[in-house]
């Protein structure tokens, strides 16, 4: 168990290391930090050697080391978070649900939604959504107020879009996505289905000839237009009849999805808290 706990800590520290290559000096430094945190008596070199030779969860490749599969790192990092006391876990969840870390710890959050369900819902989803909408928990049991729709609608309008133009033809090039929480949420599917698909349809005006398609792929004689989605449909010289996008409807779908996620989390938390015998770690 000492090795297990130290390895969990090592995995969390290595993931926080932001994906940098685990060279010998770095992996020993991380191991030393993990051993110190767990009050485990072992040298970093011996610890890493045992992990490589006995568990085979890390493999040595020349002067660098890597996990045999990234899911190993992700699961044990999630297990580390699961074992933290509430006061520490609350802060970790807040950071994991933030835009800067949400994408990088997405898989850990998915694991935690299974192995640490109570705190994932209580410290993760509910806290994130309460802060996002500036609303009390009880508000999720009612229909979303106007200001909640308005906030999502404003975010949608600020999405940065890039389209390419050749003659009278347009093609969607890129979309700068807003942060609506971890990418495995259903809300991301709603977002992609309402906004991305609508943009693709709106920019695909007619079927371009093969030579135009080839020019798009080769970026030959391409004009690029950047704008916020709030300004769509944008007036583009030589092109008329660009379809509009119903951002109000998209905002409603996304907000409704958020509230359904929050209500599910709230119901689970209240059920657990009303059952003293429940195991709140899963």
Protein backbone atom coordinates (compact mmCIF):
# COMPACT_ATOMS: atom_id res chain seq x y z
CA UNK A 1 0.00 0.00 0.00
CA UNK A 2 2.92 2.34 0.61
CA UNK A 3 4.07 1.79 -2.95
CA UNK A 4 0.49 2.20 -4.21
CA UNK A 5 0.02 5.53 -2.42
CA UNK A 6 3.43 6.82 -3.45
CA UNK A 7 2.77 5.81 -7.06
CA UNK A 8 -0.61 7.59 -7.04
CA UNK A 9 1.11 10.72 -5.79
CA UNK A 10 3.83 10.35 -8.41
CA UNK A 11 1.22 10.03 -11.18
CA UNK A 12 -0.61 13.15 -10.02
CA UNK A 13 2.62 15.13 -9.79
CA UNK A 14 3.77 13.90 -13.22
CA UNK A 15 0.43 14.90 -14.79
CA UNK A 16 0.67 18.31 -13.15
CA UNK A 17 4.13 18.46 -14.72
CA UNK A 18 2.25 19.38 -17.89
CA UNK A 19 3.26 16.53 -20.15
CA UNK A 20 6.98 17.31 -20.23
CA UNK A 21 9.28 14.43 -21.01
CA UNK A 22 10.19 12.33 -17.99
CA UNK A 23 13.97 12.39 -18.24
CA UNK A 24 15.99 10.72 -15.50
CA UNK A 25 16.52 13.90 -13.43
CA UNK A 26 12.85 14.87 -13.68
CA UNK A 27 11.45 11.43 -12.84
CA UNK A 28 13.72 11.18 -9.80
CA UNK A 29 12.70 14.65 -8.62
CA UNK A 30 9.01 13.75 -8.94
CA UNK A 31 9.59 10.44 -7.16
CA UNK A 32 11.41 12.22 -4.33
CA UNK A 33 8.53 14.66 -3.93
CA UNK A 34 5.97 11.82 -3.91
CA UNK A 35 7.99 9.79 -1.38
CA UNK A 36 8.33 12.82 0.90
CA UNK A 37 4.60 13.60 0.76
CA UNK A 38 3.70 10.01 1.66
CA UNK A 39 6.39 9.75 4.38
CA UNK A 40 7.65 6.64 2.62
CA UNK A 41 11.20 5.52 3.33
CA UNK A 42 12.83 4.73 -0.02
CA UNK A 43 15.29 6.35 -2.37
CA UNK A 44 13.83 7.83 -5.58
CA UNK A 45 16.14 5.64 -7.65
CA UNK A 46 15.05 2.42 -5.92
CA UNK A 47 11.39 3.40 -6.11
CA UNK A 48 11.49 4.10 -9.85
CA UNK A 49 13.57 0.98 -10.47
CA UNK A 50 10.95 -1.18 -8.70
CA UNK A 51 8.10 0.43 -10.64
CA UNK A 52 9.89 -0.23 -13.94
CA UNK A 53 11.14 -3.75 -13.21
CA UNK A 54 8.32 -5.19 -11.07
CA UNK A 55 5.08 -3.47 -12.10
CA UNK A 56 6.08 -2.58 -15.70
CA UNK A 57 3.73 0.44 -15.44
CA UNK A 58 6.60 2.68 -16.54
CA UNK A 59 9.04 1.73 -19.26
CA UNK A 60 12.50 3.15 -19.77
CA UNK A 61 13.27 4.30 -23.29
CA UNK A 62 16.87 5.49 -23.54
CA UNK A 63 17.29 8.53 -21.32
CA UNK A 64 13.54 9.02 -20.98
CA UNK A 65 10.73 7.22 -19.21
CA UNK A 66 7.07 6.89 -20.11
CA UNK A 67 3.93 5.25 -18.80
CA UNK A 68 3.06 2.02 -20.57
CA UNK A 69 -0.27 3.74 -21.38
CA UNK A 70 -1.49 7.20 -20.48
CA UNK A 71 -4.61 5.72 -18.87
CA UNK A 72 -2.32 4.30 -16.15
CA UNK A 73 -1.15 7.79 -15.26
CA UNK A 74 -4.70 9.16 -15.43
CA UNK A 75 -6.35 6.49 -13.27
CA UNK A 76 -3.76 6.59 -10.49
CA UNK A 77 -3.76 10.41 -10.54
CA UNK A 78 -7.55 10.23 -10.06
CA UNK A 79 -7.04 7.74 -7.22
CA UNK A 80 -4.69 10.22 -5.57
CA UNK A 81 -7.43 12.88 -5.67
CA UNK A 82 -9.98 10.38 -4.34
CA UNK A 83 -7.87 9.85 -1.20
CA UNK A 84 -7.47 13.56 -0.40
CA UNK A 85 -9.44 14.93 2.58
CA UNK A 86 -12.45 17.09 1.78
CA UNK A 87 -10.72 20.40 2.47
CA UNK A 88 -8.01 19.53 -0.06
CA UNK A 89 -10.30 17.80 -2.55
CA UNK A 90 -12.58 20.85 -2.78
CA UNK A 91 -9.66 23.00 -3.95
CA UNK A 92 -8.46 20.36 -6.41
CA UNK A 93 -11.91 19.98 -7.97
CA UNK A 94 -12.22 23.74 -8.34
CA UNK A 95 -8.95 23.81 -10.27
CA UNK A 96 -9.83 20.76 -12.39
CA UNK A 97 -13.10 22.34 -13.48
CA UNK A 98 -11.38 25.60 -14.44
CA UNK A 99 -10.75 26.35 -18.12
CA UNK A 100 -6.95 26.23 -17.74
CA UNK A 101 -6.91 22.66 -16.44
CA UNK A 102 -10.26 21.22 -17.55
CA UNK A 103 -9.01 19.93 -20.90
CA UNK A 104 -5.79 18.45 -19.47
CA UNK A 105 -7.43 16.54 -16.62
CA UNK A 106 -10.54 15.55 -18.55
CA UNK A 107 -9.94 11.80 -18.24
CA UNK A 108 -9.17 12.08 -14.52
CA UNK A 109 -12.53 13.80 -14.04
CA UNK A 110 -14.22 11.00 -15.95
CA UNK A 111 -12.62 8.44 -13.61
CA UNK A 112 -13.54 10.53 -10.55
CA UNK A 113 -17.17 10.68 -11.67
CA UNK A 114 -17.17 6.91 -11.02
CA UNK A 115 -14.78 6.35 -8.10
CA UNK A 116 -15.47 9.58 -6.15
CA UNK A 117 -19.04 10.30 -7.21
CA UNK A 118 -20.27 12.20 -4.17
CA UNK A 119 -17.44 14.71 -4.11
CA UNK A 120 -17.30 14.89 -7.92
CA UNK A 121 -20.91 16.07 -7.90
CA UNK A 122 -20.68 18.21 -4.76
CA UNK A 123 -17.29 19.90 -5.22
CA UNK A 124 -17.07 19.57 -8.99
CA UNK A 125 -20.24 19.90 -11.05
CA UNK A 126 -22.41 21.76 -8.53
CA UNK A 127 -19.75 24.27 -7.49
CA UNK A 128 -18.78 24.93 -11.11
CA UNK A 129 -22.38 25.48 -12.23
CA UNK A 130 -23.30 27.60 -9.20
CA UNK A 131 -20.35 29.87 -9.89
CA UNK A 132 -20.93 29.88 -13.66
CA UNK A 133 -24.57 30.97 -13.36
CA UNK A 134 -24.21 32.84 -10.04
CA UNK A 135 -27.13 30.89 -8.65
CA UNK A 136 -27.95 28.96 -5.46
CA UNK A 137 -28.41 25.18 -5.55
CA UNK A 138 -32.16 25.48 -5.07
CA UNK A 139 -32.37 27.49 -8.29
CA UNK A 140 -31.58 24.39 -10.33
CA UNK A 141 -34.95 22.92 -9.33
CA UNK A 142 -36.71 25.69 -11.24
CA UNK A 143 -36.72 26.78 -14.86
CA UNK A 144 -33.58 28.71 -15.83
CA UNK A 145 -34.03 32.46 -15.24
CA UNK A 146 -33.55 34.89 -18.10
CA UNK A 147 -30.11 35.99 -16.90
CA UNK A 148 -28.83 32.40 -17.28
CA UNK A 149 -29.93 32.22 -20.91
CA UNK A 150 -28.45 35.68 -21.45
CA UNK A 151 -25.04 34.67 -20.11
CA UNK A 152 -24.79 31.65 -22.43
CA UNK A 153 -26.14 33.70 -25.33
CA UNK A 154 -23.44 36.32 -24.74
CA UNK A 155 -20.71 33.65 -24.72
CA UNK A 156 -21.99 32.21 -27.99
CA UNK A 157 -21.91 35.63 -29.62
CA UNK A 158 -18.26 36.08 -28.62
CA UNK A 159 -17.11 32.89 -30.35
CA UNK A 160 -14.35 33.72 -32.81
CA UNK A 161 -14.90 32.26 -36.30
CA UNK A 162 -12.60 32.07 -39.31
CA UNK A 163 -13.90 31.34 -42.82
CA UNK A 164 -12.06 31.03 -46.13
CA UNK A 165 -13.33 32.49 -49.40
CA UNK A 166 -12.53 31.69 -53.00
CA UNK A 167 -14.68 33.59 -55.49
CA UNK A 168 -18.28 33.08 -54.36
CA UNK A 169 -17.54 30.03 -52.22
CA UNK A 170 -17.01 29.86 -48.44
CA UNK A 171 -15.57 27.19 -46.17
CA UNK A 172 -15.46 27.11 -42.37
CA UNK A 173 -11.82 27.12 -41.26
CA UNK A 174 -11.83 27.32 -37.46
CA UNK A 175 -13.99 28.07 -34.45
CA UNK A 176 -12.60 29.34 -31.15
CA UNK A 177 -14.69 27.42 -28.63
CA UNK A 178 -15.87 28.91 -25.31
CA UNK A 179 -15.31 26.90 -22.14
CA UNK A 180 -18.50 25.15 -21.08
CA UNK A 181 -16.91 22.69 -18.67
CA UNK A 182 -15.19 19.31 -19.18
CA UNK A 183 -15.36 18.10 -22.75
CA UNK A 184 -17.07 14.81 -21.89
CA UNK A 185 -20.23 16.62 -20.74
CA UNK A 186 -23.38 16.26 -22.79
CA UNK A 187 -23.37 20.05 -23.12
CA UNK A 188 -20.46 19.80 -25.53
CA UNK A 189 -22.53 17.60 -27.84
CA UNK A 190 -25.37 20.14 -27.71
CA UNK A 191 -22.92 22.92 -28.48
CA UNK A 192 -21.39 21.10 -31.44
CA UNK A 193 -24.78 20.05 -32.76
CA UNK A 194 -26.25 23.55 -32.65
CA UNK A 195 -23.39 25.92 -33.44
CA UNK A 196 -20.74 23.98 -35.35
CA UNK A 197 -23.22 22.20 -37.63
CA UNK A 198 -25.08 25.45 -38.25
CA UNK A 199 -21.84 27.18 -39.22
CA UNK A 200 -20.87 24.37 -41.59
CA UNK A 201 -24.26 24.56 -43.30
CA UNK A 202 -24.17 28.36 -43.42
CA UNK A 203 -20.74 28.45 -45.09
CA UNK A 204 -21.44 25.59 -47.51
CA UNK A 205 -23.39 27.70 -50.01
CA UNK A 206 -23.80 25.48 -53.03
CA UNK A 207 -21.46 22.74 -54.15
CA UNK A 208 -18.02 24.08 -55.06
CA UNK A 209 -16.36 22.74 -58.24
CA UNK A 210 -13.48 20.31 -57.82
CA UNK A 211 -10.89 22.96 -58.71
CA UNK A 212 -12.23 25.23 -55.96
CA UNK A 213 -12.12 22.38 -53.45
CA UNK A 214 -8.52 21.70 -54.48
CA UNK A 215 -7.66 25.37 -54.02
CA UNK A 216 -9.19 25.34 -50.54
CA UNK A 217 -7.09 22.29 -49.60
CA UNK A 218 -3.94 23.90 -50.99
CA UNK A 219 -4.83 27.36 -49.59
CA UNK A 220 -4.37 28.91 -53.03
CA UNK A 221 -5.90 32.36 -53.67
CA UNK A 222 -7.79 32.12 -50.38
CA UNK A 223 -9.19 35.14 -48.57
CA UNK A 224 -9.73 34.75 -44.83
CA UNK A 225 -12.36 36.49 -42.76
CA UNK A 226 -12.27 36.64 -38.95
CA UNK A 227 -15.23 37.77 -36.90
CA UNK A 228 -17.29 37.12 -33.77
CA UNK A 229 -20.35 34.95 -34.18
CA UNK A 230 -22.42 37.90 -32.95
CA UNK A 231 -21.71 39.56 -36.32
CA UNK A 232 -22.94 36.57 -38.33
CA UNK A 233 -24.15 36.58 -41.05
CA UNK A 234 -21.22 38.74 -42.07
CA UNK A 235 -21.39 40.72 -45.27
CA UNK A 236 -18.78 39.27 -47.61
CA UNK A 237 -18.16 40.81 -51.01
CA UNK A 238 -19.42 38.66 -53.87
CA UNK A 239 -21.53 36.41 -51.64
CA UNK A 240 -25.18 36.92 -50.76
CA UNK A 241 -27.89 34.95 -49.04
CA UNK A 242 -25.71 33.63 -46.19
CA UNK A 243 -28.04 31.81 -43.74
CA UNK A 244 -28.38 33.14 -40.20
CA UNK A 245 -27.84 31.06 -37.04
CA UNK A 246 -30.36 30.99 -34.19
CA UNK A 247 -28.07 31.76 -31.26
CA UNK A 248 -31.02 32.27 -28.92
CA UNK A 249 -32.18 28.69 -29.51
CA UNK A 250 -28.64 27.37 -29.13
CA UNK A 251 -28.30 29.25 -25.81
CA UNK A 252 -31.58 27.76 -24.58
CA UNK A 253 -30.50 24.20 -25.46
CA UNK A 254 -27.15 24.61 -23.72
CA UNK A 255 -28.63 26.27 -20.62
CA UNK A 256 -31.32 23.58 -20.30
CA UNK A 257 -28.61 20.93 -20.53
CA UNK A 258 -26.57 22.64 -17.82
CA UNK A 259 -29.60 22.73 -15.51
CA UNK A 260 -30.36 19.05 -16.09
CA UNK A 261 -26.74 18.19 -15.21
CA UNK A 262 -26.95 20.32 -12.05
CA UNK A 263 -30.26 18.78 -10.98
CA UNK A 264 -28.90 15.26 -11.37
CA UNK A 265 -25.87 16.21 -9.28
CA UNK A 266 -28.01 17.91 -6.64
CA UNK A 267 -30.32 14.91 -6.31
CA UNK A 268 -27.37 12.56 -5.89
CA UNK A 269 -25.69 14.75 -3.25
CA UNK A 270 -28.89 15.16 -1.23
CA UNK A 271 -29.60 11.43 -1.38
CA UNK A 272 -26.10 10.65 -0.09
CA UNK A 273 -26.23 13.27 2.66
CA UNK A 274 -29.61 11.96 3.85
CA UNK A 275 -28.16 8.45 4.10
CA UNK A 276 -25.45 8.46 6.81
CA UNK A 277 -24.51 4.85 6.00
CA UNK A 278 -23.75 5.66 2.36
CA UNK A 279 -20.20 5.36 1.12
CA UNK A 280 -19.48 8.85 -0.18
CA UNK A 281 -16.40 7.67 -2.06
CA UNK A 282 -18.51 5.93 -4.68
